[in-house]
N, C-alpha and C. Protein backbone atom coordinates (compact mmCIF):
# COMPACT_ATOMS: atom_id res chain seq x y z
N MET A 1 124.60 71.34 150.01
CA MET A 1 123.58 72.19 150.61
C MET A 1 124.19 73.18 151.44
N ASP A 2 123.63 74.33 151.33
CA ASP A 2 123.99 75.54 152.13
C ASP A 2 123.15 75.56 153.39
N ILE A 3 123.85 75.65 154.61
CA ILE A 3 123.16 75.77 155.83
C ILE A 3 123.51 77.12 156.56
N ARG A 4 122.40 77.83 156.84
CA ARG A 4 122.67 79.17 157.55
C ARG A 4 122.03 79.18 158.80
N ARG A 5 122.54 79.53 159.95
CA ARG A 5 122.05 79.54 161.27
C ARG A 5 121.61 81.02 161.63
N LEU A 6 120.46 81.04 162.18
CA LEU A 6 119.88 82.38 162.71
C LEU A 6 119.48 82.13 164.09
N VAL A 7 119.86 83.00 165.02
CA VAL A 7 119.52 82.83 166.42
C VAL A 7 118.29 83.68 166.68
N VAL A 8 117.19 83.01 167.08
CA VAL A 8 115.93 83.67 167.22
C VAL A 8 115.27 83.62 168.59
N GLY A 9 114.36 84.51 168.95
CA GLY A 9 113.56 84.40 170.23
C GLY A 9 114.28 84.58 171.54
N PRO A 10 113.49 84.65 172.61
CA PRO A 10 113.97 84.90 173.90
C PRO A 10 115.06 83.84 174.51
N LEU A 11 114.91 82.68 174.00
CA LEU A 11 115.77 81.55 174.49
C LEU A 11 117.00 81.39 173.59
N LEU A 12 117.23 82.22 172.65
CA LEU A 12 118.24 82.01 171.69
C LEU A 12 118.28 80.79 171.08
N THR A 13 117.18 80.49 170.38
CA THR A 13 117.14 79.28 169.69
C THR A 13 117.81 79.33 168.25
N ASN A 14 118.46 78.18 167.87
CA ASN A 14 119.13 78.17 166.59
C ASN A 14 117.97 77.73 165.59
N CYS A 15 117.79 78.70 164.72
CA CYS A 15 116.95 78.29 163.54
C CYS A 15 117.82 78.18 162.17
N TYR A 16 117.61 77.22 161.36
CA TYR A 16 118.43 76.93 160.31
C TYR A 16 117.68 77.06 159.09
N LEU A 17 118.35 77.72 158.09
CA LEU A 17 117.93 77.83 156.58
C LEU A 17 118.72 76.81 155.89
N LEU A 18 118.00 75.98 155.18
CA LEU A 18 118.68 75.00 154.32
C LEU A 18 118.35 75.35 152.87
N SER A 19 119.33 75.32 151.92
CA SER A 19 119.16 75.82 150.65
C SER A 19 119.85 74.71 149.65
N ALA A 20 119.21 74.34 148.76
CA ALA A 20 119.78 73.34 147.73
C ALA A 20 118.94 73.44 146.49
N GLY A 21 119.52 73.56 145.31
CA GLY A 21 118.85 73.48 144.08
C GLY A 21 117.81 74.53 143.94
N GLY A 22 117.91 75.69 144.43
CA GLY A 22 116.93 76.76 144.30
C GLY A 22 115.70 76.62 145.36
N GLU A 23 115.73 75.47 146.23
CA GLU A 23 114.70 75.41 147.15
C GLU A 23 115.24 75.60 148.62
N VAL A 24 114.36 76.04 149.43
CA VAL A 24 114.78 76.35 150.82
C VAL A 24 113.90 75.72 151.89
N ALA A 25 114.40 75.28 153.03
CA ALA A 25 113.61 74.69 154.18
C ALA A 25 114.06 75.55 155.26
N VAL A 26 113.11 75.68 156.24
CA VAL A 26 113.43 76.45 157.46
C VAL A 26 113.20 75.43 158.64
N VAL A 27 114.30 75.28 159.46
CA VAL A 27 114.06 74.33 160.55
C VAL A 27 113.97 75.17 161.83
N ASP A 28 112.99 74.81 162.64
CA ASP A 28 112.67 75.45 163.98
C ASP A 28 112.53 76.86 164.06
N PRO A 29 111.65 77.49 163.25
CA PRO A 29 111.33 78.93 163.43
C PRO A 29 110.65 79.36 164.73
N GLY A 30 111.30 79.44 165.71
CA GLY A 30 110.76 79.69 167.02
C GLY A 30 110.34 81.15 167.09
N ASP A 31 110.76 82.01 166.38
CA ASP A 31 110.35 83.53 166.22
C ASP A 31 110.68 84.05 164.98
N LEU A 32 109.79 84.86 164.46
CA LEU A 32 109.88 85.50 163.14
C LEU A 32 110.72 86.70 163.31
N SER A 33 111.93 86.61 163.51
CA SER A 33 112.90 87.76 163.66
C SER A 33 113.00 88.55 162.38
N PRO A 34 113.46 89.92 162.42
CA PRO A 34 113.60 90.73 161.24
C PRO A 34 114.65 90.01 160.38
N ARG A 35 115.56 89.34 161.04
CA ARG A 35 116.68 88.75 160.18
C ARG A 35 116.10 87.48 159.42
N LEU A 36 115.26 86.76 160.09
CA LEU A 36 114.64 85.60 159.46
C LEU A 36 113.72 85.99 158.29
N GLU A 37 112.89 87.04 158.63
CA GLU A 37 111.95 87.56 157.59
C GLU A 37 112.87 88.02 156.40
N GLN A 38 113.88 88.72 156.54
CA GLN A 38 114.72 89.09 155.42
C GLN A 38 115.38 87.99 154.68
N ALA A 39 115.71 86.96 155.55
CA ALA A 39 116.26 85.81 154.89
C ALA A 39 115.47 84.99 153.99
N LEU A 40 114.18 85.10 154.32
CA LEU A 40 113.18 84.40 153.59
C LEU A 40 112.64 85.17 152.32
N GLN A 41 112.90 86.35 152.30
CA GLN A 41 112.30 87.30 151.19
C GLN A 41 112.90 86.73 149.80
N GLY A 42 111.86 86.56 148.97
CA GLY A 42 112.33 86.08 147.65
C GLY A 42 112.71 84.68 147.45
N LYS A 43 112.60 83.88 148.61
CA LYS A 43 112.98 82.49 148.48
C LYS A 43 111.78 81.45 148.25
N LYS A 44 111.95 80.46 147.65
CA LYS A 44 111.00 79.35 147.37
C LYS A 44 110.96 78.49 148.56
N LEU A 45 110.23 78.75 149.55
CA LEU A 45 110.26 78.02 150.77
C LEU A 45 109.37 76.56 150.65
N ARG A 46 110.01 75.49 150.70
CA ARG A 46 109.22 74.30 150.38
C ARG A 46 108.80 73.63 151.58
N TYR A 47 109.48 73.64 152.77
CA TYR A 47 109.10 73.00 154.02
C TYR A 47 109.40 73.92 155.17
N ILE A 48 108.59 73.71 156.29
CA ILE A 48 108.76 74.18 157.54
C ILE A 48 109.05 72.99 158.46
N LEU A 49 110.21 72.77 158.90
CA LEU A 49 110.66 71.48 159.54
C LEU A 49 110.78 71.78 161.09
N LEU A 50 110.11 70.96 161.97
CA LEU A 50 110.26 71.12 163.39
C LEU A 50 110.77 69.89 163.98
N THR A 51 111.89 70.10 164.78
CA THR A 51 112.47 69.01 165.43
C THR A 51 111.70 68.61 166.64
N HIS A 52 110.97 69.47 167.18
CA HIS A 52 109.96 69.25 168.29
C HIS A 52 109.16 70.42 168.58
N GLY A 53 108.14 70.34 169.47
CA GLY A 53 107.16 71.25 169.48
C GLY A 53 107.16 72.36 170.70
N HIS A 54 108.27 72.55 171.39
CA HIS A 54 108.48 73.39 172.31
C HIS A 54 108.39 74.90 171.72
N PHE A 55 107.71 75.88 172.37
CA PHE A 55 107.48 77.21 171.72
C PHE A 55 108.71 77.75 171.17
N ASP A 56 109.92 77.79 171.77
CA ASP A 56 111.15 78.36 171.34
C ASP A 56 111.50 77.85 170.06
N HIS A 57 111.09 76.75 169.60
CA HIS A 57 111.38 76.10 168.41
C HIS A 57 110.20 76.18 167.29
N ALA A 58 108.93 76.38 167.73
CA ALA A 58 107.91 76.22 166.85
C ALA A 58 106.87 77.43 166.73
N ASP A 59 107.19 78.50 167.59
CA ASP A 59 106.19 79.52 167.72
C ASP A 59 105.82 80.28 166.36
N ALA A 60 106.81 80.36 165.50
CA ALA A 60 106.46 81.18 164.34
C ALA A 60 106.15 80.19 163.16
N ALA A 61 105.99 78.99 163.44
CA ALA A 61 105.76 78.07 162.28
C ALA A 61 104.48 78.38 161.46
N GLU A 62 103.44 78.76 162.27
CA GLU A 62 102.13 78.98 161.49
C GLU A 62 102.12 80.32 160.83
N LEU A 63 102.87 81.18 161.44
CA LEU A 63 103.00 82.56 160.72
C LEU A 63 103.77 82.33 159.34
N VAL A 64 104.96 81.67 159.47
CA VAL A 64 105.66 81.42 158.31
C VAL A 64 104.67 80.67 157.20
N HIS A 65 103.96 79.67 157.70
CA HIS A 65 103.00 78.83 156.80
C HIS A 65 102.13 79.81 156.20
N ALA A 66 101.53 80.73 156.98
CA ALA A 66 100.48 81.65 156.42
C ALA A 66 100.96 82.60 155.39
N ARG A 67 102.32 82.92 155.54
CA ARG A 67 102.98 83.82 154.63
C ARG A 67 103.41 83.11 153.28
N THR A 68 103.81 81.93 153.52
CA THR A 68 104.50 81.27 152.43
C THR A 68 103.72 80.14 151.77
N GLY A 69 102.77 79.52 152.42
CA GLY A 69 102.05 78.25 152.06
C GLY A 69 102.89 77.13 152.17
N ALA A 70 104.10 77.19 152.68
CA ALA A 70 104.86 75.94 152.85
C ALA A 70 104.34 75.07 153.97
N PRO A 71 104.33 73.81 153.77
CA PRO A 71 103.73 72.97 154.79
C PRO A 71 104.56 72.80 156.01
N ILE A 72 104.11 72.53 157.15
CA ILE A 72 104.71 72.29 158.41
C ILE A 72 104.90 70.87 158.57
N LEU A 73 106.06 70.26 158.90
CA LEU A 73 106.31 68.82 159.04
C LEU A 73 106.97 68.65 160.50
N TYR A 74 106.26 67.72 161.10
CA TYR A 74 106.76 67.36 162.54
C TYR A 74 106.16 65.86 162.72
N HIS A 75 106.71 65.36 163.85
CA HIS A 75 106.27 63.75 164.28
C HIS A 75 105.02 64.02 164.87
N PRO A 76 103.97 63.11 164.56
CA PRO A 76 102.56 63.31 165.10
C PRO A 76 102.55 63.18 166.76
N GLU A 77 103.51 62.67 167.24
CA GLU A 77 103.51 62.52 168.66
C GLU A 77 103.70 63.86 169.39
N GLU A 78 104.21 64.85 168.58
CA GLU A 78 104.39 66.11 169.07
C GLU A 78 103.15 66.94 169.35
N LYS A 79 102.00 66.32 168.89
CA LYS A 79 100.82 67.07 169.25
C LYS A 79 100.63 67.10 170.71
N THR A 80 101.04 66.06 171.41
CA THR A 80 100.92 66.02 172.87
C THR A 80 101.68 67.15 173.39
N THR A 81 102.92 67.29 172.97
CA THR A 81 103.81 68.42 173.40
C THR A 81 103.07 69.63 173.31
N PHE A 82 102.55 70.10 172.21
CA PHE A 82 101.91 71.38 172.04
C PHE A 82 100.84 71.55 173.05
N TRP A 83 100.01 70.50 173.28
CA TRP A 83 98.92 70.54 174.12
C TRP A 83 99.39 70.80 175.51
N SER A 84 100.34 69.97 175.98
CA SER A 84 100.98 70.04 177.28
C SER A 84 101.51 71.31 177.63
N MET A 85 101.99 72.12 176.59
CA MET A 85 102.49 73.45 176.90
C MET A 85 101.47 74.55 176.70
N GLY A 86 100.26 74.22 176.55
CA GLY A 86 99.05 75.16 176.52
C GLY A 86 98.93 75.69 175.06
N ARG A 87 99.42 74.92 174.05
CA ARG A 87 99.30 75.45 172.67
C ARG A 87 98.63 74.60 171.84
N LYS A 88 97.82 75.07 170.85
CA LYS A 88 97.17 74.22 169.84
C LYS A 88 98.31 73.94 168.94
N PRO A 89 98.25 72.54 168.43
CA PRO A 89 99.31 72.04 167.50
C PRO A 89 99.00 72.85 166.22
N PRO A 90 100.14 73.24 165.49
CA PRO A 90 99.87 73.86 164.11
C PRO A 90 99.43 72.83 163.08
N PRO A 91 98.97 73.20 161.90
CA PRO A 91 98.48 72.34 161.02
C PRO A 91 99.54 71.55 160.54
N LEU A 92 99.35 70.22 160.59
CA LEU A 92 100.36 69.19 160.04
C LEU A 92 100.21 68.90 158.63
N GLY A 93 101.24 69.51 157.92
CA GLY A 93 101.12 69.33 156.41
C GLY A 93 101.65 67.94 156.06
N ARG A 94 102.55 67.32 156.81
CA ARG A 94 102.82 65.96 156.64
C ARG A 94 103.52 65.33 157.84
N GLU A 95 103.13 64.18 158.24
CA GLU A 95 103.66 63.51 159.28
C GLU A 95 105.03 62.87 159.03
N LEU A 96 105.86 63.23 160.04
CA LEU A 96 107.25 62.52 159.86
C LEU A 96 107.35 61.39 160.76
N SER A 97 107.98 60.31 160.21
CA SER A 97 108.16 59.12 161.01
C SER A 97 109.68 58.63 160.60
N ASP A 98 110.13 57.80 161.47
CA ASP A 98 111.61 57.30 161.45
C ASP A 98 111.82 56.76 160.08
N GLY A 99 112.95 56.99 159.46
CA GLY A 99 113.20 56.63 158.10
C GLY A 99 112.73 57.39 156.97
N ASP A 100 111.92 58.42 157.23
CA ASP A 100 111.43 59.23 156.05
C ASP A 100 112.53 59.93 155.47
N ARG A 101 112.38 60.26 154.23
CA ARG A 101 113.38 61.14 153.46
C ARG A 101 112.59 62.39 152.99
N ILE A 102 113.30 63.50 153.10
CA ILE A 102 112.77 64.76 152.68
C ILE A 102 113.65 65.25 151.69
N TYR A 103 113.04 65.60 150.42
CA TYR A 103 113.86 65.99 149.29
C TYR A 103 113.88 67.43 149.15
N LEU A 104 115.01 68.08 148.99
CA LEU A 104 115.06 69.53 148.89
C LEU A 104 116.13 69.73 147.80
N GLY A 105 115.58 70.30 146.59
CA GLY A 105 116.45 70.57 145.61
C GLY A 105 117.19 69.24 145.16
N THR A 106 118.42 69.42 145.05
CA THR A 106 119.25 68.26 144.72
C THR A 106 119.77 67.39 145.92
N GLU A 107 119.34 67.77 147.00
CA GLU A 107 119.77 67.13 148.16
C GLU A 107 118.66 66.48 149.02
N GLU A 108 118.87 65.53 149.99
CA GLU A 108 117.91 64.90 150.78
C GLU A 108 118.29 64.85 152.12
N LEU A 109 117.17 64.93 153.06
CA LEU A 109 117.44 64.72 154.63
C LEU A 109 116.80 63.41 155.01
N LEU A 110 117.50 62.61 156.01
CA LEU A 110 116.84 61.47 156.35
C LEU A 110 116.36 61.87 157.94
N VAL A 111 115.12 61.31 158.16
CA VAL A 111 114.34 61.79 159.44
C VAL A 111 114.78 60.58 160.47
N TRP A 112 115.28 60.88 161.57
CA TRP A 112 115.31 59.95 162.71
C TRP A 112 114.44 60.33 163.82
N HIS A 113 113.63 59.37 164.30
CA HIS A 113 112.76 59.77 165.55
C HIS A 113 113.69 59.39 166.75
N LEU A 114 114.03 60.42 167.59
CA LEU A 114 114.86 60.46 168.57
C LEU A 114 114.10 60.87 169.76
N PRO A 115 113.17 60.33 170.40
CA PRO A 115 112.54 60.78 171.54
C PRO A 115 113.29 60.77 172.94
N GLY A 116 112.75 61.57 173.87
CA GLY A 116 113.51 61.64 175.14
C GLY A 116 113.32 63.09 175.60
N HIS A 117 113.71 64.15 174.94
CA HIS A 117 113.47 65.42 175.14
C HIS A 117 111.90 65.74 175.25
N THR A 118 111.38 65.19 174.12
CA THR A 118 109.85 65.20 173.92
C THR A 118 109.59 63.94 173.29
N PRO A 119 108.26 63.44 173.24
CA PRO A 119 107.97 62.09 172.69
C PRO A 119 108.15 62.13 171.24
N GLY A 120 108.05 63.24 170.43
CA GLY A 120 108.15 63.17 169.07
C GLY A 120 109.29 63.91 168.53
N SER A 121 110.39 64.05 169.31
CA SER A 121 111.63 64.73 168.85
C SER A 121 112.14 64.01 167.65
N VAL A 122 112.59 64.73 166.71
CA VAL A 122 113.30 64.16 165.53
C VAL A 122 114.63 64.80 165.15
N ALA A 123 115.55 64.28 164.53
CA ALA A 123 116.71 64.81 163.96
C ALA A 123 116.62 64.69 162.34
N PHE A 124 117.26 65.62 161.78
CA PHE A 124 117.47 65.59 160.24
C PHE A 124 118.80 65.28 160.03
N LEU A 125 119.13 64.32 159.28
CA LEU A 125 120.37 63.98 158.83
C LEU A 125 120.82 64.14 157.48
N TRP A 126 121.67 65.04 157.06
CA TRP A 126 122.03 65.25 155.79
C TRP A 126 123.20 64.33 155.63
N GLU A 127 122.97 63.16 155.12
CA GLU A 127 124.04 62.05 154.94
C GLU A 127 125.22 62.48 154.15
N ARG A 128 124.86 63.04 152.98
CA ARG A 128 126.03 63.46 152.04
C ARG A 128 126.91 64.45 152.73
N GLY A 129 126.48 65.27 153.48
CA GLY A 129 127.24 66.22 154.16
C GLY A 129 127.79 65.85 155.56
N ARG A 130 127.35 64.77 156.05
CA ARG A 130 127.60 64.20 157.31
C ARG A 130 127.24 65.37 158.39
N THR A 131 126.12 65.77 158.35
CA THR A 131 125.57 66.82 159.22
C THR A 131 124.17 66.51 159.79
N ALA A 132 124.08 66.58 161.18
CA ALA A 132 122.94 66.28 161.80
C ALA A 132 122.27 67.44 162.57
N LEU A 133 121.06 67.71 162.21
CA LEU A 133 120.32 68.77 162.96
C LEU A 133 119.59 68.07 164.01
N VAL A 134 119.97 68.39 165.21
CA VAL A 134 119.36 67.43 166.32
C VAL A 134 118.56 68.08 167.29
N GLY A 135 118.04 69.31 167.12
CA GLY A 135 117.15 69.96 168.07
C GLY A 135 117.80 70.07 169.41
N ASP A 136 116.98 69.58 170.42
CA ASP A 136 117.52 69.70 171.66
C ASP A 136 117.93 68.39 172.45
N LEU A 137 118.26 67.46 171.44
CA LEU A 137 118.69 66.16 172.01
C LEU A 137 120.18 66.25 172.47
N LEU A 138 121.17 66.93 171.87
CA LEU A 138 122.55 67.01 172.18
C LEU A 138 123.02 68.28 171.87
N PHE A 139 123.98 68.86 172.79
CA PHE A 139 124.41 70.20 172.79
C PHE A 139 125.91 70.11 172.89
N SER A 140 126.70 71.05 172.56
CA SER A 140 128.02 71.14 172.84
C SER A 140 128.34 71.03 174.40
N GLY A 141 128.79 69.86 174.90
CA GLY A 141 129.00 69.76 176.35
C GLY A 141 127.83 69.37 177.26
N SER A 142 126.70 69.12 176.59
CA SER A 142 125.46 68.98 177.45
C SER A 142 124.56 68.10 176.53
N VAL A 143 123.29 67.82 177.08
CA VAL A 143 122.23 67.11 176.46
C VAL A 143 120.93 67.67 176.87
N GLY A 144 119.82 67.33 176.13
CA GLY A 144 118.63 67.89 176.39
C GLY A 144 118.05 67.57 177.66
N ARG A 145 117.13 68.38 178.20
CA ARG A 145 116.43 68.22 179.58
C ARG A 145 115.37 67.15 179.33
N THR A 146 115.03 66.50 180.43
CA THR A 146 113.91 65.53 180.35
C THR A 146 112.86 65.80 181.41
N ASP A 147 112.94 67.05 182.14
CA ASP A 147 112.04 67.31 183.13
C ASP A 147 110.69 68.02 182.82
N LEU A 148 110.59 68.32 181.46
CA LEU A 148 109.33 68.86 181.10
C LEU A 148 108.34 67.83 180.57
N PRO A 149 107.03 68.14 180.54
CA PRO A 149 105.98 67.01 180.17
C PRO A 149 106.48 66.28 178.94
N GLY A 150 106.41 64.98 179.11
CA GLY A 150 106.76 64.10 177.90
C GLY A 150 108.06 63.78 177.89
N GLY A 151 108.98 64.22 178.76
CA GLY A 151 110.32 64.04 178.66
C GLY A 151 110.74 62.65 179.38
N SER A 152 111.83 62.04 178.93
CA SER A 152 112.24 60.60 179.56
C SER A 152 113.70 60.48 179.36
N TRP A 153 114.24 60.43 180.62
CA TRP A 153 115.91 60.16 180.49
C TRP A 153 116.22 58.82 179.84
N GLU A 154 115.28 57.82 180.02
CA GLU A 154 115.53 56.50 179.51
C GLU A 154 115.57 56.66 177.98
N LEU A 155 114.49 57.27 177.36
CA LEU A 155 114.35 57.38 175.94
C LEU A 155 115.55 58.26 175.39
N LEU A 156 115.84 59.33 176.20
CA LEU A 156 116.91 60.24 175.76
C LEU A 156 118.23 59.55 175.57
N GLU A 157 118.44 58.57 176.64
CA GLU A 157 119.81 57.94 176.53
C GLU A 157 119.78 56.95 175.28
N ARG A 158 118.56 56.33 175.04
CA ARG A 158 118.57 55.43 173.90
C ARG A 158 118.77 56.13 172.57
N SER A 159 118.23 57.37 172.60
CA SER A 159 118.30 58.18 171.32
C SER A 159 119.73 58.63 171.14
N LEU A 160 120.31 59.07 172.33
CA LEU A 160 121.85 59.61 172.15
C LEU A 160 122.67 58.41 171.83
N LYS A 161 122.49 57.20 172.34
CA LYS A 161 123.20 55.97 171.94
C LYS A 161 123.11 55.79 170.37
N ARG A 162 121.94 55.87 169.92
CA ARG A 162 121.80 55.76 168.40
C ARG A 162 122.57 56.78 167.73
N LEU A 163 122.45 58.11 168.04
CA LEU A 163 123.10 59.16 167.42
C LEU A 163 124.62 58.89 167.47
N LEU A 164 125.08 58.57 168.59
CA LEU A 164 126.52 58.36 168.77
C LEU A 164 127.08 57.16 167.92
N GLY A 165 126.12 56.18 167.51
CA GLY A 165 126.51 55.10 166.69
C GLY A 165 126.86 55.53 165.19
N LEU A 166 126.53 56.73 164.89
CA LEU A 166 126.91 57.17 163.45
C LEU A 166 128.40 57.01 163.20
N GLU A 167 128.79 56.47 162.15
CA GLU A 167 130.26 56.31 161.84
C GLU A 167 130.83 57.36 161.33
N GLY A 168 132.12 57.64 161.49
CA GLY A 168 132.73 58.68 160.95
C GLY A 168 132.68 59.87 161.74
N SER A 169 133.17 61.09 161.00
CA SER A 169 133.04 62.41 161.64
C SER A 169 131.86 63.09 161.17
N TRP A 170 130.90 63.40 162.11
CA TRP A 170 129.58 64.03 161.79
C TRP A 170 129.53 65.44 162.56
N ARG A 171 129.18 66.47 161.78
CA ARG A 171 128.92 67.78 162.26
C ARG A 171 127.46 67.79 163.07
N VAL A 172 127.45 68.36 164.18
CA VAL A 172 126.13 68.40 164.95
C VAL A 172 125.79 69.93 165.05
N LEU A 173 124.48 70.12 164.58
CA LEU A 173 123.91 71.50 164.67
C LEU A 173 122.73 71.34 165.69
N PRO A 174 123.01 71.88 166.89
CA PRO A 174 122.01 71.69 167.98
C PRO A 174 120.97 72.84 167.96
N GLY A 175 120.08 72.79 168.82
CA GLY A 175 118.82 73.69 168.86
C GLY A 175 119.29 74.94 169.62
N HIS A 176 120.30 74.90 170.42
CA HIS A 176 120.85 76.08 171.01
C HIS A 176 122.33 75.98 171.18
N GLY A 177 123.04 77.10 171.14
CA GLY A 177 124.40 77.15 171.41
C GLY A 177 125.27 76.84 170.11
N PRO A 178 126.73 76.63 170.30
CA PRO A 178 127.43 76.55 169.15
C PRO A 178 127.40 75.20 168.51
N GLU A 179 127.74 75.09 167.26
CA GLU A 179 127.80 73.62 166.66
C GLU A 179 128.89 72.89 167.21
N THR A 180 128.92 71.59 167.08
CA THR A 180 129.80 70.76 167.59
C THR A 180 130.11 69.58 166.69
N ASP A 181 130.74 68.55 167.06
CA ASP A 181 130.75 67.35 166.23
C ASP A 181 130.78 66.08 167.12
N LEU A 182 130.37 64.84 166.66
CA LEU A 182 130.15 63.73 167.41
C LEU A 182 131.41 63.25 168.07
N ALA A 183 132.59 63.45 167.28
CA ALA A 183 133.93 62.95 167.86
C ALA A 183 134.10 63.76 169.18
N ARG A 184 134.05 64.99 169.05
CA ARG A 184 134.36 65.86 170.43
C ARG A 184 133.48 65.59 171.42
N GLU A 185 132.07 65.26 171.21
CA GLU A 185 131.10 64.98 172.21
C GLU A 185 131.40 63.65 172.85
N ARG A 186 131.92 62.62 172.03
CA ARG A 186 132.28 61.47 172.65
C ARG A 186 133.40 61.61 173.59
N ARG A 187 134.39 62.44 173.16
CA ARG A 187 135.55 62.61 174.19
C ARG A 187 135.24 63.41 175.44
N GLU A 188 134.59 64.54 175.15
CA GLU A 188 134.47 65.58 176.17
C GLU A 188 133.14 65.74 176.92
N ASN A 189 132.12 65.34 176.39
CA ASN A 189 130.76 65.58 177.05
C ASN A 189 130.53 64.72 178.21
N PRO A 190 130.50 65.32 179.39
CA PRO A 190 130.32 64.46 180.61
C PRO A 190 129.02 63.78 180.65
N PHE A 191 128.03 64.17 180.02
CA PHE A 191 126.74 63.62 180.09
C PHE A 191 126.74 62.30 179.27
N LEU A 192 127.68 62.17 178.36
CA LEU A 192 127.73 60.98 177.62
C LEU A 192 128.57 59.82 178.02
N ARG A 193 129.16 60.03 179.18
CA ARG A 193 130.00 58.83 179.80
C ARG A 193 129.09 57.66 180.23
N GLY A 194 129.53 56.52 179.67
CA GLY A 194 128.72 55.32 179.80
C GLY A 194 127.90 55.03 178.65
N ILE A 195 127.45 56.24 177.93
CA ILE A 195 126.62 55.99 176.64
C ILE A 195 127.58 55.75 175.50
N SER A 196 128.46 56.77 175.31
CA SER A 196 129.32 56.68 174.21
C SER A 196 130.34 55.40 174.22
N ASP A 197 130.64 54.90 175.43
CA ASP A 197 131.52 53.69 175.42
C ASP A 197 130.72 52.37 175.57
N GLY A 198 129.36 52.51 175.54
CA GLY A 198 128.51 51.32 175.55
C GLY A 198 128.33 50.65 176.95
N THR A 199 128.77 51.38 178.00
CA THR A 199 128.50 50.64 179.36
C THR A 199 127.23 51.17 180.00
N ALA A 200 126.48 52.01 179.45
CA ALA A 200 125.27 52.59 180.02
C ALA A 200 124.26 51.41 180.16
């Protein structure tokens, strides 16, 4: 699977284009930037995937849906996040739940429900490529904030522990900032002390 990162919107959100077998999915279209518009031209867009419902990750989802007809997929608990931020939830083309599989061309993504940043935050795991698109759960050297409506440090900690339990070397594609990997974050991320070694 080919994964392309586009930085969009005022908060410099990472939007990802996933391509496999002639099909494309867009993850977290927070803004329909000219680069994203150009990247989508002529593509067969199969899904619009949201890791969570904050505006910087989801604001262009309905516009992309209107232009392409691709369904918007997110966890149903994110409806509360949209409402809490003063926004109407976008049309839910398919509810995501933990353990779901999303098929894209010749590849597939595993859905993990990882609440904490928001109640319905999810990650998309491309197991064959050992790559996790984690939204605002984990960043290079940091973790997601929990002070917005629906946030919970207790749940975030539990979700981080689950993510850190992935075996082997995993590439991590966060919602903001540079990509990283789980091995580096276990070693160097100060927010993971006590979580990565199991003492939390």
